[in-house]
N, C-alpha and C. Protein backbone atom coordinates (compact mmCIF):
# COMPACT_ATOMS: atom_id res chain seq x y z
N MET A 1 0.82 -1.01 -0.04
CA MET A 1 0.03 0.00 -0.04
C MET A 1 0.78 1.25 0.10
N LYS A 2 1.99 1.27 0.82
CA LYS A 2 2.91 2.33 0.70
C LYS A 2 3.39 2.59 -0.59
N ILE A 3 3.83 1.52 -1.42
CA ILE A 3 4.36 1.73 -2.71
C ILE A 3 3.25 2.48 -3.63
N LEU A 4 2.10 2.23 -3.49
CA LEU A 4 1.02 2.63 -4.21
C LEU A 4 0.78 4.05 -3.88
N LYS A 5 0.83 4.55 -2.74
CA LYS A 5 0.65 5.84 -2.28
C LYS A 5 1.96 6.76 -2.82
N SER A 6 3.01 6.10 -2.67
CA SER A 6 4.19 6.92 -3.01
C SER A 6 4.15 7.03 -4.65
N LEU A 7 3.69 6.08 -5.38
CA LEU A 7 3.70 6.17 -6.73
C LEU A 7 2.55 7.29 -7.15
N VAL A 8 1.45 7.28 -6.38
CA VAL A 8 0.45 8.22 -6.80
C VAL A 8 1.03 9.71 -6.36
N LEU A 9 1.54 9.83 -5.37
CA LEU A 9 2.21 11.03 -4.86
C LEU A 9 3.29 11.54 -6.09
N VAL A 10 4.24 10.64 -6.54
CA VAL A 10 5.05 11.07 -7.63
C VAL A 10 4.34 11.40 -8.73
N LEU A 11 3.33 10.69 -9.21
CA LEU A 11 2.68 11.18 -10.34
C LEU A 11 2.02 12.50 -10.19
N ALA A 12 1.41 12.72 -9.07
CA ALA A 12 0.78 13.97 -8.86
C ALA A 12 1.81 15.12 -9.01
N LEU A 13 2.88 14.91 -8.29
CA LEU A 13 3.90 16.04 -8.31
C LEU A 13 4.43 16.11 -9.74
N SER A 14 4.52 15.25 -10.60
CA SER A 14 5.07 15.30 -11.83
C SER A 14 4.07 16.06 -12.76
N VAL A 15 2.67 15.63 -12.63
CA VAL A 15 1.69 16.36 -13.42
C VAL A 15 1.66 17.93 -12.77
N ALA A 16 1.79 18.16 -11.61
CA ALA A 16 1.75 19.49 -11.08
C ALA A 16 2.95 20.39 -11.60
N ALA A 17 4.11 19.80 -11.67
CA ALA A 17 5.27 20.54 -12.18
C ALA A 17 5.11 20.80 -13.76
N TYR A 18 4.64 19.79 -14.46
CA TYR A 18 4.47 19.95 -15.90
C TYR A 18 3.31 21.06 -16.15
N ALA A 19 2.28 20.99 -15.21
CA ALA A 19 1.14 22.01 -15.38
C ALA A 19 1.71 23.44 -15.22
N GLN A 20 2.80 23.45 -14.56
CA GLN A 20 3.17 24.98 -14.31
C GLN A 20 3.94 25.45 -15.60
N THR A 21 4.23 24.77 -16.57
CA THR A 21 4.82 25.33 -17.78
C THR A 21 3.88 25.49 -18.66
N GLU A 22 3.97 26.65 -19.30
CA GLU A 22 2.84 27.02 -20.36
C GLU A 22 3.73 27.03 -21.68
N ASP A 23 3.13 26.44 -22.80
CA ASP A 23 3.68 26.34 -23.98
C ASP A 23 3.23 27.43 -24.74
N LEU A 24 3.96 28.62 -25.13
CA LEU A 24 3.45 29.75 -25.86
C LEU A 24 3.40 29.71 -27.12
N GLY A 25 3.92 28.67 -27.78
CA GLY A 25 3.94 28.63 -29.17
C GLY A 25 5.34 29.08 -29.70
N MET A 26 5.65 28.70 -30.93
CA MET A 26 6.72 29.18 -31.86
C MET A 26 8.07 28.88 -30.80
N GLY A 27 8.05 27.78 -30.09
CA GLY A 27 9.19 27.43 -29.32
C GLY A 27 9.64 28.03 -28.00
N ALA A 28 8.44 28.87 -27.58
CA ALA A 28 8.66 29.48 -26.26
C ALA A 28 7.94 28.88 -25.16
N PHE A 29 8.42 28.66 -24.06
CA PHE A 29 7.88 28.13 -22.84
C PHE A 29 8.08 29.07 -21.53
N ALA A 30 7.06 29.02 -20.87
CA ALA A 30 6.92 29.96 -19.53
C ALA A 30 6.57 29.32 -18.35
N ASN A 31 7.05 29.69 -17.28
CA ASN A 31 6.68 29.43 -15.99
C ASN A 31 6.47 30.62 -15.05
N GLU A 32 5.54 30.82 -14.38
CA GLU A 32 5.38 32.05 -13.53
C GLU A 32 5.00 31.51 -12.09
N GLN A 33 5.15 30.24 -11.83
CA GLN A 33 4.70 29.79 -10.43
C GLN A 33 5.75 30.03 -9.31
N GLY A 34 6.99 29.89 -9.65
CA GLY A 34 8.03 30.05 -8.67
C GLY A 34 8.41 31.52 -8.35
N PRO A 35 9.37 31.83 -7.42
CA PRO A 35 9.75 33.17 -7.06
C PRO A 35 10.42 34.01 -8.31
N ILE A 36 11.30 33.04 -9.17
CA ILE A 36 11.83 33.59 -10.26
C ILE A 36 10.94 33.10 -11.60
N LEU A 37 10.31 34.24 -12.10
CA LEU A 37 9.58 33.99 -13.40
C LEU A 37 10.52 33.57 -14.56
N ILE A 38 10.24 32.75 -15.34
CA ILE A 38 11.17 32.33 -16.48
C ILE A 38 10.49 32.13 -17.78
N VAL A 39 10.89 32.74 -18.82
CA VAL A 39 10.47 32.15 -20.22
C VAL A 39 11.59 31.82 -20.83
N VAL A 40 11.67 30.73 -21.63
CA VAL A 40 12.78 30.08 -22.51
C VAL A 40 12.32 30.00 -23.89
N ASP A 41 13.13 30.91 -24.80
CA ASP A 41 12.79 30.54 -26.08
C ASP A 41 13.66 29.62 -26.77
N ALA A 42 13.21 28.43 -27.24
CA ALA A 42 13.97 27.38 -27.68
C ALA A 42 13.94 27.19 -29.13
N ALA A 43 13.54 28.26 -29.80
CA ALA A 43 13.34 28.21 -31.40
C ALA A 43 14.60 28.04 -32.05
N MET A 44 15.81 28.42 -31.40
CA MET A 44 17.01 28.12 -32.20
C MET A 44 17.38 26.70 -31.95
N ALA A 45 17.23 26.24 -30.61
CA ALA A 45 17.42 24.85 -30.39
C ALA A 45 16.74 23.82 -31.24
N ASP A 46 15.38 24.29 -31.63
CA ASP A 46 14.57 23.45 -32.64
C ASP A 46 15.29 23.52 -34.00
N LEU A 47 15.74 24.59 -34.45
CA LEU A 47 16.49 24.77 -35.82
C LEU A 47 17.67 24.19 -35.83
N MET A 48 18.49 24.28 -34.88
CA MET A 48 19.90 23.86 -34.88
C MET A 48 20.10 22.54 -33.85
N ILE A 49 19.23 21.68 -33.97
CA ILE A 49 19.32 20.49 -33.09
C ILE A 49 20.43 19.61 -33.34
N ASP A 50 21.22 19.72 -34.27
CA ASP A 50 22.49 18.88 -34.56
C ASP A 50 23.70 19.82 -34.24
N SER A 51 23.45 20.95 -33.80
CA SER A 51 24.77 21.82 -33.49
C SER A 51 25.46 21.27 -32.18
N PRO A 52 26.74 21.40 -32.20
CA PRO A 52 27.30 20.69 -30.99
C PRO A 52 26.98 21.65 -29.82
N TYR A 53 26.64 22.91 -29.73
CA TYR A 53 26.26 23.60 -28.67
C TYR A 53 24.87 24.13 -29.11
N VAL A 54 23.81 24.02 -28.23
CA VAL A 54 22.51 24.67 -28.49
C VAL A 54 22.10 25.75 -27.79
N MET A 55 21.73 27.02 -28.28
CA MET A 55 21.32 28.14 -27.80
C MET A 55 19.86 28.18 -27.41
N PHE A 56 19.68 28.74 -26.33
CA PHE A 56 18.22 29.02 -25.72
C PHE A 56 18.43 30.56 -25.31
N VAL A 57 17.17 31.28 -25.30
CA VAL A 57 17.19 32.54 -24.84
C VAL A 57 16.35 32.56 -23.63
N ALA A 58 16.88 33.17 -22.40
CA ALA A 58 16.01 33.05 -21.19
C ALA A 58 15.65 34.50 -20.79
N TYR A 59 14.53 34.55 -20.33
CA TYR A 59 14.14 35.96 -19.85
C TYR A 59 13.68 35.69 -18.28
N LEU A 60 14.45 36.23 -17.38
CA LEU A 60 14.07 35.88 -15.98
C LEU A 60 13.69 37.23 -15.22
N ALA A 61 12.82 37.06 -14.29
CA ALA A 61 12.37 38.32 -13.34
C ALA A 61 11.91 37.85 -12.11
N ALA A 62 12.02 38.72 -11.18
CA ALA A 62 11.54 38.38 -9.79
C ALA A 62 10.00 38.55 -9.75
N LYS A 63 9.32 37.57 -9.17
CA LYS A 63 7.97 37.54 -9.13
C LYS A 63 7.58 38.79 -8.10
N ASP A 64 8.20 38.85 -6.87
CA ASP A 64 8.05 39.83 -6.14
C ASP A 64 8.64 41.06 -6.30
N HIS A 65 8.03 42.03 -6.59
CA HIS A 65 8.94 43.23 -6.98
C HIS A 65 9.46 44.01 -6.07
N ASN A 66 9.32 43.61 -4.84
CA ASN A 66 10.24 44.19 -3.72
C ASN A 66 11.24 43.24 -3.30
N GLN A 67 11.53 42.29 -4.15
CA GLN A 67 12.73 41.35 -3.87
C GLN A 67 13.64 41.50 -4.96
N SER A 68 15.11 41.39 -4.53
CA SER A 68 16.00 41.51 -5.51
C SER A 68 16.68 40.05 -5.59
N ILE A 69 16.79 39.47 -6.91
CA ILE A 69 17.34 38.26 -7.13
C ILE A 69 18.49 38.37 -7.99
N VAL A 70 19.59 37.42 -7.56
CA VAL A 70 20.72 37.63 -8.51
C VAL A 70 21.15 35.89 -8.91
N VAL A 71 21.17 35.88 -10.13
CA VAL A 71 21.22 34.43 -10.58
C VAL A 71 22.70 34.40 -11.07
N ASP A 72 23.57 33.60 -10.55
CA ASP A 72 25.02 33.23 -11.17
C ASP A 72 24.96 32.25 -12.18
N ARG A 73 25.73 32.38 -13.04
CA ARG A 73 25.79 31.61 -14.16
C ARG A 73 25.94 29.97 -13.79
N SER A 74 26.72 29.87 -12.61
CA SER A 74 26.87 28.42 -12.12
C SER A 74 25.49 27.89 -11.50
N ASP A 75 24.54 28.74 -11.40
CA ASP A 75 23.10 28.39 -10.78
C ASP A 75 22.12 28.17 -11.72
N VAL A 76 22.63 28.11 -13.16
CA VAL A 76 21.69 27.73 -14.29
C VAL A 76 22.00 26.34 -14.87
N VAL A 77 21.03 25.45 -14.68
CA VAL A 77 21.29 24.01 -15.19
C VAL A 77 20.25 23.56 -16.23
N MET A 78 20.48 22.68 -17.12
CA MET A 78 19.57 22.13 -18.03
C MET A 78 19.59 20.50 -17.48
N VAL A 79 18.36 20.04 -17.21
CA VAL A 79 18.11 18.62 -16.89
C VAL A 79 17.46 17.93 -18.19
N TYR A 80 18.30 16.83 -18.55
CA TYR A 80 17.92 16.20 -19.82
C TYR A 80 18.25 14.66 -19.50
N ASN A 81 17.11 13.83 -19.76
CA ASN A 81 17.24 12.54 -19.37
C ASN A 81 17.74 12.13 -17.82
N GLY A 82 17.41 13.08 -16.80
CA GLY A 82 17.82 12.88 -15.66
C GLY A 82 19.35 13.23 -15.33
N ARG A 83 19.94 13.83 -16.16
CA ARG A 83 21.32 14.20 -15.83
C ARG A 83 21.38 15.81 -16.09
N GLU A 84 22.01 16.49 -15.10
CA GLU A 84 22.28 17.87 -15.11
C GLU A 84 23.45 18.28 -16.10
N TYR A 85 23.12 19.33 -16.79
CA TYR A 85 24.16 20.17 -17.69
C TYR A 85 24.28 21.39 -17.18
N ARG A 86 25.54 21.83 -17.00
CA ARG A 86 25.92 23.22 -16.63
C ARG A 86 26.28 23.95 -18.00
N LEU A 87 26.26 25.40 -17.75
CA LEU A 87 26.73 26.32 -18.83
C LEU A 87 28.05 26.03 -19.04
N PRO A 88 28.57 26.08 -20.48
CA PRO A 88 30.05 25.97 -20.47
C PRO A 88 30.65 27.32 -20.31
N SER A 89 31.80 27.46 -19.96
CA SER A 89 32.29 28.84 -19.81
C SER A 89 32.38 29.64 -21.30
N VAL A 90 32.41 30.91 -21.21
CA VAL A 90 32.48 31.78 -22.49
C VAL A 90 33.79 31.19 -23.18
N LYS A 91 34.85 31.08 -22.57
CA LYS A 91 36.04 30.48 -23.11
C LYS A 91 36.00 29.18 -23.89
N GLU A 92 35.45 28.32 -23.23
CA GLU A 92 35.10 26.97 -23.90
C GLU A 92 34.21 27.23 -25.01
N LEU A 93 33.04 27.78 -25.02
CA LEU A 93 32.30 28.00 -26.20
C LEU A 93 32.98 28.59 -27.26
N ARG A 94 33.75 29.79 -27.15
CA ARG A 94 34.50 30.38 -28.19
C ARG A 94 35.59 29.49 -28.90
N GLU A 95 36.19 28.64 -28.00
CA GLU A 95 37.10 27.72 -28.50
C GLU A 95 36.58 26.57 -29.31
N ASN A 96 35.38 26.14 -28.90
CA ASN A 96 34.90 24.94 -29.47
C ASN A 96 33.64 25.12 -30.34
N TYR A 97 33.20 26.45 -30.46
CA TYR A 97 32.05 26.68 -31.31
C TYR A 97 32.18 28.05 -31.97
N ARG A 98 32.10 28.10 -33.17
CA ARG A 98 32.14 29.37 -33.92
C ARG A 98 30.75 30.01 -34.45
N GLY A 99 29.69 29.45 -33.93
CA GLY A 99 28.32 29.69 -34.37
C GLY A 99 27.62 30.90 -33.67
N GLY A 100 28.29 31.57 -32.70
CA GLY A 100 27.49 32.53 -32.01
C GLY A 100 26.86 33.72 -32.67
N ILE A 101 27.72 34.29 -33.63
CA ILE A 101 27.17 35.28 -34.43
C ILE A 101 26.10 34.85 -35.42
N HIS A 102 26.44 33.80 -35.90
CA HIS A 102 25.38 33.16 -36.85
C HIS A 102 23.92 32.83 -36.16
N ASP A 103 24.17 32.38 -34.75
CA ASP A 103 23.04 32.10 -34.05
C ASP A 103 22.21 33.36 -33.70
N LEU A 104 22.91 34.27 -33.24
CA LEU A 104 22.23 35.72 -32.91
C LEU A 104 21.50 36.27 -34.21
N ASP A 105 22.28 36.22 -35.18
CA ASP A 105 21.68 36.77 -36.52
C ASP A 105 20.50 36.16 -36.92
N PHE A 106 20.37 34.88 -36.98
CA PHE A 106 19.38 34.04 -37.29
C PHE A 106 18.18 34.21 -36.32
N TYR A 107 18.55 34.25 -35.01
CA TYR A 107 17.45 34.42 -33.87
C TYR A 107 16.87 35.69 -34.13
N ARG A 108 17.43 36.73 -34.54
CA ARG A 108 16.72 38.18 -34.66
C ARG A 108 15.52 38.06 -35.73
N HIS A 109 15.59 37.03 -36.56
CA HIS A 109 14.68 36.91 -37.75
C HIS A 109 13.47 36.05 -37.47
N LEU A 110 13.69 35.34 -36.21
CA LEU A 110 12.60 34.58 -35.69
C LEU A 110 11.41 35.26 -35.02
N GLY A 111 10.31 34.66 -35.03
CA GLY A 111 9.04 35.42 -34.34
C GLY A 111 9.28 35.28 -32.90
N LYS A 112 8.79 36.39 -32.37
CA LYS A 112 8.76 36.43 -30.84
C LYS A 112 7.46 36.52 -30.14
N GLU A 113 6.42 36.27 -30.85
CA GLU A 113 5.01 36.38 -30.56
C GLU A 113 4.73 35.59 -29.23
N GLY A 114 5.23 34.52 -29.10
CA GLY A 114 5.15 33.61 -27.80
C GLY A 114 5.57 34.37 -26.87
N ILE A 115 6.73 35.04 -26.81
CA ILE A 115 7.28 35.69 -25.60
C ILE A 115 6.51 36.92 -25.31
N VAL A 116 6.07 37.56 -26.19
CA VAL A 116 5.34 38.79 -26.01
C VAL A 116 3.92 38.42 -25.33
N ALA A 117 3.50 37.18 -25.66
CA ALA A 117 2.25 36.90 -25.05
C ALA A 117 2.16 36.38 -23.46
N SER A 118 3.58 36.42 -23.10
CA SER A 118 3.85 36.00 -21.62
C SER A 118 3.73 37.07 -20.62
N TRP A 119 4.19 36.83 -19.44
CA TRP A 119 4.44 37.87 -18.46
C TRP A 119 5.50 38.82 -18.62
N ALA A 120 6.42 38.26 -19.78
CA ALA A 120 7.77 39.12 -19.90
C ALA A 120 7.38 40.47 -20.61
N ARG A 121 6.07 40.78 -21.11
CA ARG A 121 5.65 42.02 -21.88
C ARG A 121 5.49 43.08 -20.62
N PHE A 122 5.46 42.57 -19.39
CA PHE A 122 5.26 43.57 -18.18
C PHE A 122 6.61 44.13 -17.68
N TYR A 123 7.65 43.50 -18.20
CA TYR A 123 8.95 43.89 -17.55
C TYR A 123 10.15 44.42 -18.73
N ASN A 124 10.85 45.22 -17.98
CA ASN A 124 12.17 45.90 -18.79
C ASN A 124 13.45 44.77 -18.74
N PHE A 125 13.90 44.54 -19.72
CA PHE A 125 15.03 43.64 -19.80
C PHE A 125 16.20 44.42 -20.24
N THR A 126 17.24 44.64 -19.16
CA THR A 126 18.38 45.35 -19.60
C THR A 126 19.29 44.79 -20.72
N LEU A 127 20.04 45.69 -21.20
CA LEU A 127 20.94 45.07 -22.46
C LEU A 127 22.36 45.15 -22.07
N GLY A 128 22.53 45.37 -20.72
CA GLY A 128 24.11 45.67 -20.37
C GLY A 128 24.90 44.39 -20.24
N GLY A 129 24.41 43.26 -20.11
CA GLY A 129 25.15 42.03 -20.06
C GLY A 129 24.48 40.80 -20.46
N ASP A 130 25.17 39.83 -20.66
CA ASP A 130 24.80 38.48 -21.14
C ASP A 130 25.86 37.43 -20.72
N PHE A 131 25.30 36.25 -20.35
CA PHE A 131 26.17 35.05 -19.96
C PHE A 131 27.05 34.72 -21.20
N PHE A 132 26.42 34.96 -22.40
CA PHE A 132 27.12 34.67 -23.76
C PHE A 132 27.16 35.61 -24.67
N PRO A 133 27.73 36.73 -24.64
CA PRO A 133 27.66 37.93 -25.61
C PRO A 133 28.63 37.49 -26.73
N THR A 134 28.17 38.18 -27.91
CA THR A 134 28.80 38.06 -29.09
C THR A 134 30.06 38.93 -29.10
N LEU A 135 31.07 38.68 -29.73
CA LEU A 135 32.05 39.60 -30.00
C LEU A 135 31.73 41.02 -30.31
N GLY A 136 32.04 42.08 -29.48
CA GLY A 136 31.62 43.38 -29.91
C GLY A 136 30.16 43.66 -29.34
N GLY A 137 29.66 42.74 -28.77
CA GLY A 137 28.40 42.90 -28.11
C GLY A 137 28.36 43.41 -26.65
N PRO A 138 27.35 42.91 -25.98
CA PRO A 138 27.19 43.57 -24.46
C PRO A 138 28.44 42.78 -23.73
N LEU A 139 28.62 43.20 -22.50
CA LEU A 139 29.60 42.68 -21.68
C LEU A 139 29.16 41.18 -21.34
N SER A 140 30.21 40.35 -20.96
CA SER A 140 29.97 38.92 -20.39
C SER A 140 29.93 39.27 -19.07
N VAL A 141 28.99 38.70 -18.43
CA VAL A 141 28.71 38.60 -17.02
C VAL A 141 28.46 37.56 -16.47
N ASP A 142 28.79 37.15 -15.23
CA ASP A 142 28.72 36.01 -14.54
C ASP A 142 27.37 35.84 -13.66
N ARG A 143 26.60 37.09 -13.44
CA ARG A 143 25.51 37.17 -12.86
C ARG A 143 24.66 37.93 -13.45
N GLY A 144 23.22 37.65 -13.37
CA GLY A 144 22.14 38.51 -13.81
C GLY A 144 21.23 38.90 -12.68
N SER A 145 20.89 40.20 -12.61
CA SER A 145 20.18 40.82 -11.52
C SER A 145 18.74 41.06 -11.97
N MET A 146 18.00 40.89 -10.98
CA MET A 146 16.45 41.17 -11.35
C MET A 146 15.91 42.00 -10.07
N SER A 147 15.13 42.83 -10.29
CA SER A 147 14.67 43.64 -9.11
C SER A 147 13.47 44.55 -9.69
N GLY A 148 12.12 44.52 -9.02
CA GLY A 148 11.17 45.45 -9.45
C GLY A 148 10.72 44.89 -10.82
N VAL A 149 10.53 45.80 -11.80
CA VAL A 149 10.18 45.45 -13.02
C VAL A 149 11.47 45.30 -14.06
N ILE A 150 12.53 45.14 -13.53
CA ILE A 150 13.79 45.06 -14.26
C ILE A 150 14.05 43.44 -14.32
N GLY A 151 14.10 42.99 -15.48
CA GLY A 151 14.49 41.52 -15.64
C GLY A 151 15.87 41.25 -16.19
N PHE A 152 16.29 40.18 -16.64
CA PHE A 152 17.52 39.86 -17.00
C PHE A 152 17.23 38.79 -18.18
N ARG A 153 17.87 39.21 -19.29
CA ARG A 153 17.65 38.44 -20.56
C ARG A 153 19.09 38.18 -20.78
N THR A 154 19.16 36.62 -21.28
CA THR A 154 20.55 36.22 -21.68
C THR A 154 20.35 34.98 -22.53
N LYS A 155 21.41 34.92 -23.38
CA LYS A 155 21.55 33.60 -24.05
C LYS A 155 22.08 32.54 -23.32
N LEU A 156 21.59 31.27 -23.32
CA LEU A 156 21.93 30.12 -22.50
C LEU A 156 22.54 29.11 -23.54
N TYR A 157 23.71 28.72 -23.40
CA TYR A 157 24.35 27.73 -24.48
C TYR A 157 24.64 26.47 -23.44
N PHE A 158 24.10 25.26 -24.07
CA PHE A 158 24.50 24.01 -23.47
C PHE A 158 25.02 23.12 -24.44
N LYS A 159 26.10 22.28 -24.04
CA LYS A 159 26.63 21.20 -24.98
C LYS A 159 25.44 20.34 -25.24
N ASN A 160 25.42 20.03 -26.55
CA ASN A 160 24.24 19.27 -27.03
C ASN A 160 24.44 17.69 -26.63
N PRO A 161 23.52 17.40 -25.82
CA PRO A 161 23.74 15.95 -25.42
C PRO A 161 23.11 14.81 -26.30
N GLY A 162 22.71 15.32 -27.51
CA GLY A 162 22.06 14.33 -28.53
C GLY A 162 20.47 14.48 -28.69
N PHE A 163 20.08 15.79 -28.67
CA PHE A 163 18.67 16.04 -28.74
C PHE A 163 18.01 15.46 -30.02
N LYS A 164 16.86 15.06 -29.72
CA LYS A 164 15.96 14.53 -30.70
C LYS A 164 14.58 15.30 -30.74
N LYS A 165 14.02 15.44 -31.90
CA LYS A 165 12.63 16.04 -31.85
C LYS A 165 11.65 15.34 -30.92
N GLY A 166 10.96 16.12 -30.16
CA GLY A 166 10.11 15.61 -29.10
C GLY A 166 10.70 15.55 -27.84
N ASP A 167 11.99 15.59 -27.61
CA ASP A 167 12.63 15.52 -26.40
C ASP A 167 12.27 16.60 -25.37
N LYS A 168 12.02 16.27 -24.19
CA LYS A 168 11.84 17.29 -23.08
C LYS A 168 12.86 17.52 -22.36
N LEU A 169 13.09 18.69 -21.90
CA LEU A 169 14.27 18.93 -20.89
C LEU A 169 13.67 20.24 -19.90
N THR A 170 14.48 20.39 -18.80
CA THR A 170 13.99 21.28 -17.91
C THR A 170 15.22 22.37 -17.68
N ILE A 171 15.02 23.51 -17.78
CA ILE A 171 15.98 24.46 -17.43
C ILE A 171 15.53 25.20 -16.14
N LYS A 172 16.60 25.10 -15.18
CA LYS A 172 16.43 25.56 -13.75
C LYS A 172 17.40 26.70 -13.30
N VAL A 173 16.82 27.55 -12.64
CA VAL A 173 17.64 28.74 -12.09
C VAL A 173 17.39 28.92 -10.69
N ARG A 174 18.54 29.55 -9.94
CA ARG A 174 18.00 29.74 -8.62
C ARG A 174 19.09 30.92 -8.03
N ASP A 175 18.55 31.72 -7.11
CA ASP A 175 19.26 32.92 -6.59
C ASP A 175 20.50 32.23 -5.89
N GLN A 176 21.70 33.07 -6.10
CA GLN A 176 22.99 32.59 -5.85
C GLN A 176 23.12 32.53 -4.30
N LYS A 177 22.34 33.40 -3.41
CA LYS A 177 22.40 33.24 -2.06
C LYS A 177 21.29 32.63 -1.36
N ASN A 178 20.10 32.43 -1.86
CA ASN A 178 18.93 31.86 -1.22
C ASN A 178 18.43 30.69 -2.17
N PRO A 179 18.84 29.46 -2.05
CA PRO A 179 18.33 28.38 -2.81
C PRO A 179 16.73 28.11 -2.77
N GLN A 180 16.05 28.65 -1.95
CA GLN A 180 14.64 28.72 -1.99
C GLN A 180 14.11 29.51 -3.21
N LEU A 181 14.74 30.52 -3.66
CA LEU A 181 14.27 31.47 -4.67
C LEU A 181 14.64 30.87 -6.11
N THR A 182 13.87 29.94 -6.70
CA THR A 182 14.23 29.31 -7.91
C THR A 182 13.06 29.46 -8.97
N GLY A 183 13.28 29.09 -10.14
CA GLY A 183 12.48 29.07 -11.23
C GLY A 183 12.82 28.05 -12.03
N GLU A 184 11.83 27.34 -12.77
CA GLU A 184 12.42 26.42 -13.76
C GLU A 184 11.09 26.24 -14.76
N VAL A 185 11.52 25.75 -15.87
CA VAL A 185 10.61 25.56 -17.15
C VAL A 185 10.82 24.44 -17.98
N GLU A 186 9.88 23.56 -18.25
CA GLU A 186 10.01 22.55 -19.08
C GLU A 186 9.92 23.00 -20.57
N VAL A 187 10.74 22.49 -21.36
CA VAL A 187 11.03 22.89 -22.79
C VAL A 187 11.00 21.54 -23.71
N THR A 188 10.24 21.54 -24.65
CA THR A 188 10.09 20.58 -25.67
C THR A 188 10.75 20.91 -26.86
N ILE A 189 11.54 20.11 -27.34
CA ILE A 189 12.37 20.49 -28.60
C ILE A 189 11.56 19.89 -29.82
N GLU A 190 11.17 20.92 -30.59
CA GLU A 190 10.00 20.53 -31.48
C GLU A 190 10.58 20.55 -33.07
């Protein structure tokens, strides 16, 4: 009987976690249930599924406007097939992948209607820093700050673990000082 109750609890939690993510269309996914609001645009990952590094664009904001949250690059992970993947360093990405400028240029031409339909339209996203800036672009930062209606927008690159169409992954972020302040979103590679 305990096993059955445990199984029901696990299934309920799985459904609850999945229900928190909203598919916005056009490769964008949002979750506004946690203290860190998160929208991830996976349109480039969908298009460049065979690339050695896959780019996502994340929009992060503090749900409580009276709270300041700082996400360190080391506190951003992708969970795929039960394994956690961390962001590579900027140096690693530049040494092993030369597609950053192409990715950004291509991304600019993709539709952003899904993101505009989310909570993100109510926030301002600073252009002063990025975890993975292109050469000649904004500064490379190790932390993204959010407070009030100011959010943080950044590219996220992960080493491609072998994505296939229809695969699901979760991108998780947390505050650098308070691990209770988290956000996560489930993404489907389409």
